[in-house]
Structure formats: structure tokens, C-alpha cells
Amino acid sequence: MSPTRVLTGITTSGTPHLGNYVGAIRPAVAASRAPDVESFYFLADYHALIKVQDPARVQRSTLEIAATWLACGLEPDKVWFYRQSDVPEVQELTWFLTCVAGKGLLNRAHAYKAAVDKNREAGEDDDAGVSAGLFMYPVLMAADILLFNANQVPVGRDQIQHIEMARDFGQRFNHLYGDHFVMPEAVIDENVATLPGLDGRKMSKSYDNTIPLFAPRETLKKLIYSIVTDSRAPGEAKDADNSNVFQLYQAFASNEETAAMRRAFADGIAWGEAKQALFERIDREISPLREKYDALIAQPAHIEAILRDGAQRLRTRYARPTLDTLRSAVGLRDLSQAQVDGKAKITKATAPAFKQYREADGRFYFKFVDGDRLLAQSRAFDSARDAGTLIAGLKSGASGVDALFEASTSADGVTQDDVRDALAAVVEAEQEKSAQKA
């Protein structure tokens, strides 16, 4: 059974804070270690451009967010970790989806409607200050998801509409061009905490009330001591459930620690003492991560290499083959395949082909496919050259079909005759190409 594909995007528009850590990073890193899940994590720098026009801020945010996820335990050799702008196939798919997306549906997108409502309240034109990027945001998000046929997308409730729109665009494309996309499901974790900020409202960059995740120890202490509290004196019982200090403490503490703190609130703990306990509890968890973060942030070239490697492997494994299939599906095809004996014909979406890729274990593999049908799956190779040499021999006819059988296993429901016929078609096509070049 194929693993469940789970995709998470992180917009590169600011510095990670404690709310991001508790609400997204910590649970996502834990979930990435599940054996039956294939996880995709990407830095959504194209999305950031919609609302941030400061190049230095986008670049710095990308570095900080990448370092944060790595410091918090994300393992780039076991998940797909990449930067959105390093996968150009996202943009090509965005255009394909743009051509099937209904404008009426985009008119109803929450972000666009909110901008229109704000303009109307101010007596402005509906679209004053609204960029095409803001309007088309749901299509770009759909491309992020559909390109890799993600099964699940963890989102907040305010993002559910975007998943529904991705499903709509994918269904419309499938209706017109064949069954290419699976329909993603929004995943809402009701147990994920929403942390209060310094002023009691939800911790958010929009409210300027955040506590940076990797603030220096003394800065962290100063910010925690600035959290707004009520005027109840030491010795006077305090309401834990309505306390920002307690809510923050609970997000980091064990059940036993939380119960003890609740009793302390009932017994009238002083606010200064409660804030000191909160600081010590947060710092105990964050301190070792901060050390890793500081080491990573000092090596931007290392982070750049990790992101580029992740994108390159992902493009080879998924993005390029998917776009090759989609380009053919919409009619962007090789014209030399369009005529046979002077008569037009409709070709198959793809001819039998070898797809070479590198797995998370660092070893190299290839698949032999006929369109969307898997014919054979290779064993592991220690180097790309070994796999590539065998493939070249098979395509040229220098290596017989027995070499393919020795190096791979036929897929379920596929006979050796199916594989033999497909390989013969590949060899014939390669010979025709060579003859044309000569």
C-alpha cells in the first residue's frame, strides 16, 4: 500500500515565533516520522511575494525558517524539504490550472472578498490595491498540492476553502484531460494549541505581539516578563484558564507540570514567580534547539545546498515526469509524432520510458513505465552512473531484455511479454531517432 502523502507549506514572510513552533513545527516534525507517511515541506517564497515587497526580508525569512525546521528535527534525507521557487514545474502547473479555474469561484476566495469589503467600507473601487497575485493565490496553492498528488494538507480552519478550491480545479482538469490528480483532503488538528501573544490576542506577526522562537535567553526572559496579566496580588487565587501565562506554560509542560501549576494558581502564586516558571520551562525545551539554530544560521551555504538538493531530487522523482504527462495531456506535444503516412493521429500521452531517480536512502533506482502504467521497478544501484549505463544499453538494444529482468521486478499484473514488447518499442523509437539525426 502506498504511503499517505502529506504536504505542508510555510510562507517566508517573517521570523518564526513560539506560536509557529507549538501550532505547526513541533507537531509536523513529529508526524514526519510516521512510517506510513511521505512528507513534503516547502518554503512558500512565491506566496510571500504577494504581501512582502522587501527582497531582504524574503531572503532573511527563508533562511530563518529553513534553519528553524532543521534545528527542530526535520530530517531532509527522510522527507521532501524544498523551496517553492526551486521547482519551476509549480508555475507551469499554475498556468494549466489557471486555464480551467472559474473566475466566479476565485471571486469568492476569502482573502479577495476581505480586500473588496475593506475597499467598499472606505468608499474605494472594489479592486483598489488588489494585485493579480492576491486574486490568483488559490490557484498557486492548488498547484503546490496537485503537482505531488498530496493526499492530506494540514491547515487551519481559515485555509479549508483553499483546499476545496484545489479539489475543484483538479476535478475540472481531470474532467477535461483525463484522470491525473487525486483529490486532497484538509486535515484540521483540533488539539493543536493557539498560543496567546504578549497582549493576550492570538500570537501573530499581524498583531506585533510575538515571542521569537530563538530569541536570545535574556531577550526571551524580558519578553515573557512583559506578558500582560491582571492586577491580582500575591496570595490571591488566579484564574488559570483565562491566564495568558498559564496557557503558554501548558503548551510546553507535561500533564504533571500543568496540574502542579494549576494548583499554584489556585493557591495565589505571584505573577513574577509564575512568569519565572514559564521562562524556565520554555527555555529548557528551546535552549538545545537554539544552539542548533545558531549553528545552522551561521552556515547559509549549507542550508542552500540542502534546499537545492531536495528540490532537484523531487523534480527528478515527481515534478518533471508529472509535467511531461500533463503537457501531453493538454496537447503540448512533439509535432514529429503527429503524422503517420500523411494522416494525423492522436498519440498516447507518453511512450514507454525509463524514469531514473534517487531515493531518500541515497541510492539510485529506475522505473520502466508505459504512460501511467508501471511495468517494472528496478533494484537499488550504488551510483547514478551504474543505473544510467544499464538504461542506455537497454534503450539502444545493446543489452537484451534479460538484463532488464535481472535488474528489476515486474509490477503486479504485468507479464514478461508486456515488458518485452514495451522494451522493443523503446529500442525501435531510439533507432528511429538515430536515423533521423544521421
Protein backbone atom coordinates (compact mmCIF):
# COMPACT_ATOMS: atom_id res chain seq x y z
CA MET A 1 0.00 0.00 0.00
CA SER A 2 1.35 3.43 -0.97
CA PRO A 3 2.20 5.82 1.88
CA THR A 4 -0.05 8.78 2.53
CA ARG A 5 1.41 11.97 1.07
CA VAL A 6 1.16 14.93 3.45
CA LEU A 7 2.15 18.41 2.25
CA THR A 8 2.87 21.49 4.36
CA GLY A 9 3.82 24.95 3.10
CA ILE A 10 5.48 27.67 5.18
CA THR A 11 5.28 31.25 3.88
CA THR A 12 8.62 33.06 4.07
CA SER A 13 7.39 36.41 5.28
CA GLY A 14 8.64 36.69 8.86
CA THR A 15 10.62 35.29 11.77
CA PRO A 16 9.31 32.05 13.39
CA HIS A 17 7.81 32.55 16.83
CA LEU A 18 6.63 30.35 19.69
CA GLY A 19 3.13 30.13 18.20
CA ASN A 20 4.54 28.71 14.95
CA TYR A 21 6.57 26.19 16.92
CA VAL A 22 3.71 24.89 19.07
CA GLY A 23 0.99 25.11 16.42
CA ALA A 24 2.84 23.86 13.34
CA ILE A 25 6.53 22.99 13.57
CA ARG A 26 6.60 20.67 16.57
CA PRO A 27 3.57 18.56 15.56
CA ALA A 28 4.63 18.44 11.90
CA VAL A 29 8.14 17.23 12.70
CA ALA A 30 6.68 14.52 14.95
CA ALA A 31 4.23 13.49 12.22
CA SER A 32 7.01 13.29 9.61
CA ARG A 33 8.47 10.29 11.44
CA ALA A 34 5.41 8.11 10.92
CA PRO A 35 6.38 5.04 8.84
CA ASP A 36 3.32 5.16 6.57
CA VAL A 37 3.65 8.84 5.59
CA GLU A 38 5.57 10.55 2.78
CA SER A 39 6.03 14.15 3.92
CA PHE A 40 6.52 17.26 1.78
CA TYR A 41 7.64 20.52 3.43
CA PHE A 42 8.26 23.57 1.29
CA LEU A 43 9.23 27.19 1.83
CA ALA A 44 6.49 29.15 0.06
CA ASP A 45 8.56 32.07 -1.18
CA TYR A 46 6.33 32.71 -4.20
CA HIS A 47 3.42 33.14 -1.80
CA ALA A 48 5.46 35.58 0.28
CA LEU A 49 5.78 37.94 -2.70
CA ILE A 50 2.04 38.57 -2.60
CA LYS A 51 2.32 40.57 0.62
CA VAL A 52 6.03 41.34 1.05
CA GLN A 53 7.88 43.60 -1.37
CA ASP A 54 11.07 43.77 0.69
CA PRO A 55 13.64 41.45 -1.01
CA ALA A 56 15.96 41.37 2.00
CA ARG A 57 13.10 40.34 4.28
CA VAL A 58 12.03 37.49 1.99
CA GLN A 59 15.61 36.22 1.79
CA ARG A 60 16.21 36.50 5.53
CA SER A 61 12.90 34.87 6.35
CA THR A 62 13.68 31.96 4.02
CA LEU A 63 17.00 31.40 5.79
CA GLU A 64 15.48 31.68 9.27
CA ILE A 65 12.57 29.36 8.54
CA ALA A 66 14.75 26.72 6.88
CA ALA A 67 17.19 26.82 9.81
CA THR A 68 14.28 26.61 12.26
CA TRP A 69 12.76 23.47 10.76
CA LEU A 70 16.15 21.77 10.57
CA ALA A 71 17.02 22.76 14.14
CA CYS A 72 13.69 21.41 15.35
CA GLY A 73 14.46 17.97 13.98
CA LEU A 74 13.26 17.83 10.38
CA GLU A 75 15.42 15.26 8.56
CA PRO A 76 15.91 16.30 4.90
CA ASP A 77 17.08 12.80 3.92
CA LYS A 78 13.80 11.29 5.13
CA VAL A 79 11.30 13.90 3.90
CA TRP A 80 10.98 16.17 0.88
CA PHE A 81 12.25 19.59 2.04
CA TYR A 82 12.50 22.22 -0.67
CA ARG A 83 11.99 25.83 -1.69
CA GLN A 84 8.96 26.53 -3.87
CA SER A 85 10.89 28.72 -6.31
CA ASP A 86 13.36 25.89 -6.98
CA VAL A 87 10.60 23.82 -8.59
CA PRO A 88 9.59 25.65 -11.81
CA GLU A 89 7.03 22.96 -12.58
CA VAL A 90 4.85 24.59 -9.91
CA GLN A 91 4.50 27.66 -12.08
CA GLU A 92 3.76 25.71 -15.25
CA LEU A 93 1.05 23.76 -13.48
CA THR A 94 -0.31 27.04 -12.09
CA TRP A 95 -0.91 28.19 -15.65
CA PHE A 96 -2.59 24.92 -16.63
CA LEU A 97 -4.92 25.26 -13.65
CA THR A 98 -5.49 28.97 -14.34
CA CYS A 99 -6.92 27.94 -17.71
CA VAL A 100 -9.58 25.76 -16.05
CA ALA A 101 -10.23 27.78 -12.87
CA GLY A 102 -13.53 29.61 -12.78
CA LYS A 103 -13.27 33.34 -12.10
CA GLY A 104 -16.55 33.22 -10.21
CA LEU A 105 -15.03 30.78 -7.73
CA LEU A 106 -11.94 32.97 -7.32
CA ASN A 107 -14.22 35.95 -6.68
CA ARG A 108 -15.44 34.12 -3.58
CA ALA A 109 -12.00 33.46 -2.09
CA HIS A 110 -11.86 34.77 1.49
CA ALA A 111 -8.74 36.92 1.10
CA TYR A 112 -10.04 38.60 -2.03
CA LYS A 113 -13.52 39.17 -0.57
CA ALA A 114 -11.98 40.69 2.56
CA ALA A 115 -9.98 43.12 0.41
CA VAL A 116 -13.09 44.07 -1.57
CA ASP A 117 -15.14 44.57 1.61
CA LYS A 118 -12.42 46.80 3.06
CA ASN A 119 -12.36 48.91 -0.10
CA ARG A 120 -16.12 49.29 -0.09
CA GLU A 121 -16.09 50.43 3.55
CA ALA A 122 -13.52 53.05 2.58
CA GLY A 123 -15.51 54.15 -0.45
CA GLU A 124 -12.85 52.89 -2.86
CA ASP A 125 -13.15 50.88 -6.06
CA ASP A 126 -13.62 47.18 -5.31
CA ASP A 127 -10.20 46.25 -6.67
CA ALA A 128 -8.19 49.22 -5.40
CA GLY A 129 -4.79 47.96 -4.27
CA VAL A 130 -5.65 44.35 -5.08
CA SER A 131 -2.92 42.59 -7.07
CA ALA A 132 -3.49 39.75 -9.50
CA GLY A 133 -1.22 37.74 -7.20
CA LEU A 134 -3.68 38.06 -4.32
CA PHE A 135 -6.57 37.15 -6.62
CA MET A 136 -4.75 34.11 -8.06
CA TYR A 137 -3.30 32.90 -4.75
CA PRO A 138 -5.68 29.91 -4.55
CA VAL A 139 -4.53 28.65 -7.95
CA LEU A 140 -0.87 28.76 -6.95
CA MET A 141 -1.72 26.92 -3.73
CA ALA A 142 -3.62 24.31 -5.74
CA ALA A 143 -0.57 23.77 -7.96
CA ASP A 144 1.62 23.25 -4.87
CA ILE A 145 -0.73 20.48 -3.75
CA LEU A 146 -1.76 18.82 -7.01
CA LEU A 147 1.74 18.64 -8.52
CA PHE A 148 2.63 15.95 -5.98
CA ASN A 149 -0.86 14.47 -5.62
CA ALA A 150 -0.85 15.16 -1.90
CA ASN A 151 -3.49 13.17 -0.04
CA GLN A 152 -3.61 15.38 3.04
CA VAL A 153 -2.85 19.05 3.73
CA PRO A 154 -2.76 20.15 7.39
CA VAL A 155 -4.32 23.63 7.57
CA GLY A 156 -6.10 25.98 9.91
CA ARG A 157 -9.83 26.43 9.53
CA ASP A 158 -9.29 29.67 7.61
CA GLN A 159 -7.49 27.67 4.88
CA ILE A 160 -10.11 24.96 4.32
CA GLN A 161 -11.60 26.93 1.42
CA HIS A 162 -8.28 26.79 -0.44
CA ILE A 163 -8.22 23.00 -0.25
CA GLU A 164 -11.79 22.88 -1.53
CA MET A 165 -10.77 25.12 -4.43
CA ALA A 166 -7.78 22.90 -5.21
CA ARG A 167 -10.18 19.97 -5.42
CA ASP A 168 -12.45 21.96 -7.75
CA PHE A 169 -9.59 22.88 -10.10
CA GLY A 170 -8.25 19.33 -10.05
CA GLN A 171 -11.65 17.82 -10.81
CA ARG A 172 -12.18 20.26 -13.67
CA PHE A 173 -8.79 19.37 -15.15
CA ASN A 174 -9.47 15.64 -14.77
CA HIS A 175 -12.84 16.05 -16.49
CA LEU A 176 -11.23 17.74 -19.50
CA TYR A 177 -7.97 15.84 -19.83
CA GLY A 178 -8.23 12.51 -18.04
CA ASP A 179 -7.65 11.25 -14.52
CA HIS A 180 -4.38 12.90 -13.43
CA PHE A 181 -4.96 14.32 -9.95
CA VAL A 182 -6.06 12.78 -6.67
CA MET A 183 -8.32 14.92 -4.55
CA PRO A 184 -6.58 16.33 -1.46
CA GLU A 185 -8.20 16.39 1.97
CA ALA A 186 -7.84 19.19 4.51
CA VAL A 187 -6.63 17.96 7.89
CA ILE A 188 -7.63 20.01 10.92
CA ASP A 189 -5.97 19.08 14.21
CA GLU A 190 -8.35 20.25 16.91
CA ASN A 191 -5.69 19.57 19.56
CA VAL A 192 -3.14 21.99 18.16
CA ALA A 193 -2.77 24.89 20.56
CA THR A 194 -3.23 28.51 19.54
CA LEU A 195 -0.86 30.49 21.74
CA PRO A 196 -1.75 33.90 23.14
CA GLY A 197 0.69 36.69 22.41
CA LEU A 198 2.13 39.32 24.72
CA ASP A 199 -1.15 41.25 24.74
CA GLY A 200 -3.47 38.27 25.10
CA ARG A 201 -4.60 38.15 21.50
CA LYS A 202 -3.54 35.25 19.24
CA MET A 203 0.23 35.31 18.79
CA SER A 204 0.67 36.70 15.29
CA LYS A 205 3.05 38.85 13.28
CA SER A 206 -0.02 40.86 12.24
CA TYR A 207 -0.55 41.96 15.86
CA ASP A 208 3.16 42.54 16.56
CA ASN A 209 2.75 40.54 19.79
CA THR A 210 5.03 37.58 19.11
CA ILE A 211 7.87 35.98 21.04
CA PRO A 212 10.58 34.96 18.51
CA LEU A 213 11.27 31.27 18.80
CA PHE A 214 15.04 31.59 19.03
CA ALA A 215 15.37 34.93 20.78
CA PRO A 216 18.49 35.07 22.98
CA ARG A 217 17.90 33.79 26.50
CA GLU A 218 17.83 37.24 28.14
CA THR A 219 15.54 38.61 25.42
CA LEU A 220 13.20 35.67 25.90
CA LYS A 221 13.05 36.34 29.64
CA LYS A 222 12.38 40.04 29.10
CA LEU A 223 9.55 39.33 26.66
CA ILE A 224 7.94 36.77 28.95
CA TYR A 225 8.04 39.20 31.85
CA SER A 226 6.24 41.76 29.65
CA ILE A 227 3.18 39.50 29.16
CA VAL A 228 0.01 41.30 30.17
CA THR A 229 -1.61 40.00 33.38
CA ASP A 230 -4.39 41.16 35.69
CA SER A 231 -3.89 43.04 38.97
CA ARG A 232 -4.39 40.16 41.40
CA ALA A 233 -1.86 40.31 44.20
CA PRO A 234 0.41 37.52 45.53
CA GLY A 235 -1.63 35.13 47.68
CA GLU A 236 -4.82 35.89 45.77
CA ALA A 237 -6.21 32.97 43.72
CA LYS A 238 -5.80 33.38 39.98
CA ASP A 239 -7.88 32.09 37.08
CA ALA A 240 -5.60 29.67 35.20
CA ASP A 241 -7.97 29.11 32.27
CA ASN A 242 -8.08 32.82 31.45
CA SER A 243 -4.39 33.48 32.03
CA ASN A 244 -2.01 34.08 29.12
CA VAL A 245 0.86 32.93 31.32
CA PHE A 246 -0.83 29.63 32.15
CA GLN A 247 -1.85 28.96 28.53
CA LEU A 248 1.73 29.41 27.38
CA TYR A 249 3.03 27.23 30.20
CA GLN A 250 0.56 24.46 29.37
CA ALA A 251 1.74 24.36 25.75
CA PHE A 252 5.24 23.34 26.87
CA ALA A 253 4.67 21.47 30.12
CA SER A 254 3.84 17.83 30.82
CA ASN A 255 0.46 16.89 32.27
CA GLU A 256 2.00 16.63 35.73
CA GLU A 257 3.70 20.02 35.46
CA THR A 258 0.49 21.59 34.19
CA ALA A 259 -1.52 20.17 37.10
CA ALA A 260 1.05 21.48 39.58
CA MET A 261 0.94 24.95 38.02
CA ARG A 262 -2.85 24.95 38.11
CA ARG A 263 -2.70 24.26 41.86
CA ALA A 264 -0.16 27.06 42.26
CA PHE A 265 -2.55 29.47 40.51
CA ALA A 266 -5.35 28.42 42.85
CA ASP A 267 -3.00 28.98 45.80
CA GLY A 268 -2.20 32.53 44.68
CA ILE A 269 1.22 32.30 43.03
CA ALA A 270 2.72 35.73 42.35
CA TRP A 271 2.78 36.80 38.72
CA GLY A 272 6.54 37.30 38.82
CA GLU A 273 7.01 33.77 40.13
CA ALA A 274 4.65 32.35 37.50
CA LYS A 275 6.49 34.17 34.71
CA GLN A 276 9.84 32.91 36.01
CA ALA A 277 8.49 29.32 35.94
CA LEU A 278 7.17 29.90 32.41
CA PHE A 279 10.54 31.25 31.26
CA GLU A 280 12.45 28.32 32.73
CA ARG A 281 10.08 25.76 31.22
CA ILE A 282 10.20 27.25 27.72
CA ASP A 283 13.94 27.77 27.84
CA ARG A 284 14.51 24.17 28.90
CA GLU A 285 12.88 22.93 25.70
CA ILE A 286 14.11 25.66 23.36
CA SER A 287 17.70 26.04 24.56
CA PRO A 288 19.17 22.95 22.81
CA LEU A 289 17.24 23.81 19.66
CA ARG A 290 18.55 27.37 19.83
CA GLU A 291 22.12 26.07 19.82
CA LYS A 292 21.42 24.05 16.67
CA TYR A 293 19.68 27.02 15.08
CA ASP A 294 22.59 29.38 15.78
CA ALA A 295 25.00 26.89 14.21
CA LEU A 296 22.80 26.47 11.13
CA ILE A 297 22.07 30.16 10.60
CA ALA A 298 25.83 30.77 10.51
CA GLN A 299 26.09 28.39 7.52
CA PRO A 300 23.71 29.76 4.87
CA ALA A 301 25.58 27.94 2.09
CA HIS A 302 24.90 24.63 3.85
CA ILE A 303 21.18 25.39 4.08
CA GLU A 304 21.15 26.48 0.43
CA ALA A 305 22.70 23.16 -0.58
CA ILE A 306 20.10 21.20 1.41
CA LEU A 307 17.20 23.07 -0.23
CA ARG A 308 18.61 22.77 -3.75
CA ASP A 309 19.33 19.07 -3.31
CA GLY A 310 15.80 18.49 -2.03
CA ALA A 311 14.28 20.32 -4.98
CA GLN A 312 16.47 18.57 -7.55
CA ARG A 313 15.63 15.11 -6.23
CA LEU A 314 11.95 16.00 -6.05
CA ARG A 315 11.91 17.32 -9.60
CA THR A 316 13.54 14.15 -10.89
CA ARG A 317 11.26 11.86 -8.91
CA TYR A 318 7.91 13.61 -9.32
CA ALA A 319 7.70 17.11 -10.81
CA ARG A 320 9.29 16.58 -14.22
CA PRO A 321 7.58 13.25 -15.03
CA THR A 322 4.24 14.69 -13.90
CA LEU A 323 4.59 17.79 -16.08
CA ASP A 324 5.68 15.69 -19.07
CA THR A 325 2.42 13.76 -18.73
CA LEU A 326 0.31 16.89 -18.20
CA ARG A 327 1.89 18.75 -21.13
CA SER A 328 0.99 15.87 -23.41
CA ALA A 329 -2.50 15.66 -21.90
CA VAL A 330 -3.30 19.28 -22.80
CA GLY A 331 -1.80 18.97 -26.29
CA LEU A 332 1.69 20.44 -25.83
CA ARG A 333 3.24 17.55 -27.76
CA ASP A 334 6.13 16.64 -30.02
CA LEU A 335 4.96 17.53 -33.53
CA SER A 336 7.11 14.82 -35.09
CA GLN A 337 4.75 12.29 -33.51
CA ALA A 338 1.63 13.86 -35.02
CA GLN A 339 1.78 12.46 -38.59
CA VAL A 340 1.90 8.86 -39.83
CA ASP A 341 1.77 8.31 -43.62
CA GLY A 342 0.41 11.82 -44.04
CA LYS A 343 -2.53 11.18 -41.75
CA ALA A 344 -2.98 12.86 -38.40
CA LYS A 345 -3.17 10.62 -35.37
CA ILE A 346 -3.64 11.14 -31.67
CA THR A 347 -0.66 9.75 -29.79
CA LYS A 348 -0.62 8.21 -26.34
CA ALA A 349 0.16 10.61 -23.51
CA THR A 350 3.62 9.05 -23.16
CA ALA A 351 5.54 6.24 -24.84
CA PRO A 352 7.21 3.50 -22.79
CA ALA A 353 10.08 5.13 -20.92
CA PHE A 354 12.63 4.73 -18.16
CA LYS A 355 12.35 7.10 -15.18
CA GLN A 356 15.53 7.33 -13.12
CA TYR A 357 15.55 8.81 -9.61
CA ARG A 358 17.32 8.88 -6.26
CA GLU A 359 15.59 7.71 -3.09
CA ALA A 360 15.92 9.05 0.46
CA ASP A 361 18.35 6.19 1.22
CA GLY A 362 20.87 7.84 -1.14
CA ARG A 363 20.73 5.00 -3.67
CA PHE A 364 19.54 5.15 -7.29
CA TYR A 365 16.59 3.43 -8.96
CA PHE A 366 14.61 3.44 -12.16
CA LYS A 367 11.06 2.61 -13.17
CA PHE A 368 10.01 1.31 -16.57
CA VAL A 369 6.61 2.81 -17.35
CA ASP A 370 4.12 2.93 -20.19
CA GLY A 371 2.17 6.15 -19.73
CA ASP A 372 0.75 5.98 -16.21
CA ARG A 373 1.26 2.19 -16.02
CA LEU A 374 4.22 0.83 -14.07
CA LEU A 375 5.82 -2.09 -15.91
CA ALA A 376 8.92 -2.80 -13.82
CA GLN A 377 10.71 -1.47 -10.74
CA SER A 378 14.49 -1.73 -10.54
CA ARG A 379 16.68 -2.86 -7.68
CA ALA A 380 18.91 -0.29 -5.97
CA PHE A 381 22.10 0.96 -7.60
CA ASP A 382 25.01 2.50 -5.68
CA SER A 383 25.57 5.23 -8.29
CA ALA A 384 23.56 7.10 -10.89
CA ARG A 385 26.16 6.10 -13.47
CA ASP A 386 25.51 2.37 -12.94
CA ALA A 387 21.77 2.83 -13.35
CA GLY A 388 22.22 5.18 -16.32
CA THR A 389 24.63 2.81 -18.10
CA LEU A 390 22.16 -0.05 -17.88
CA ILE A 391 19.30 2.13 -19.11
CA ALA A 392 21.38 3.37 -22.04
CA GLY A 393 22.22 -0.20 -23.00
CA LEU A 394 18.57 -1.25 -22.81
CA LYS A 395 17.37 1.69 -24.91
CA SER A 396 20.00 1.12 -27.59
CA GLY A 397 19.35 -2.61 -27.77
CA ALA A 398 22.93 -3.41 -26.75
CA SER A 399 21.58 -5.04 -23.59
CA GLY A 400 18.88 -7.62 -24.09
CA VAL A 401 15.60 -7.89 -22.23
CA ASP A 402 17.17 -10.49 -19.92
CA ALA A 403 19.34 -7.69 -18.48
CA LEU A 404 16.18 -5.78 -17.61
CA PHE A 405 14.61 -8.81 -15.94
CA GLU A 406 17.77 -9.36 -13.88
CA ALA A 407 17.85 -5.74 -12.71
CA SER A 408 14.16 -5.24 -11.98
CA THR A 409 10.91 -6.81 -10.86
CA SER A 410 7.75 -6.74 -12.97
CA ALA A 411 4.82 -4.88 -11.46
CA ASP A 412 1.68 -6.69 -10.35
CA GLY A 413 -0.48 -7.72 -13.30
CA VAL A 414 2.35 -7.19 -15.80
CA THR A 415 3.70 -10.18 -17.75
CA GLN A 416 7.20 -10.56 -19.10
CA ASP A 417 5.71 -10.37 -22.58
CA ASP A 418 4.30 -6.91 -21.69
CA VAL A 419 7.75 -5.77 -20.60
CA ARG A 420 9.42 -7.35 -23.66
CA ASP A 421 7.00 -5.63 -26.07
CA ALA A 422 7.41 -2.25 -24.35
CA LEU A 423 11.21 -2.50 -24.42
CA ALA A 424 11.09 -3.40 -28.11
CA ALA A 425 9.05 -0.23 -28.71
CA VAL A 426 11.64 1.84 -26.85
CA VAL A 427 14.52 0.34 -28.87
CA GLU A 428 12.66 0.96 -32.13
CA ALA A 429 11.94 4.58 -31.17
CA GLU A 430 15.60 5.15 -30.27
CA GLN A 431 16.73 3.68 -33.58
CA GLU A 432 14.31 5.96 -35.45
CA LYS A 433 15.72 8.98 -33.60
CA SER A 434 19.27 7.95 -34.52
CA ALA A 435 18.29 7.51 -38.17
CA GLN A 436 16.71 10.97 -38.26
CA LYS A 437 19.84 12.57 -36.80
CA ALA A 438 22.02 10.76 -39.33
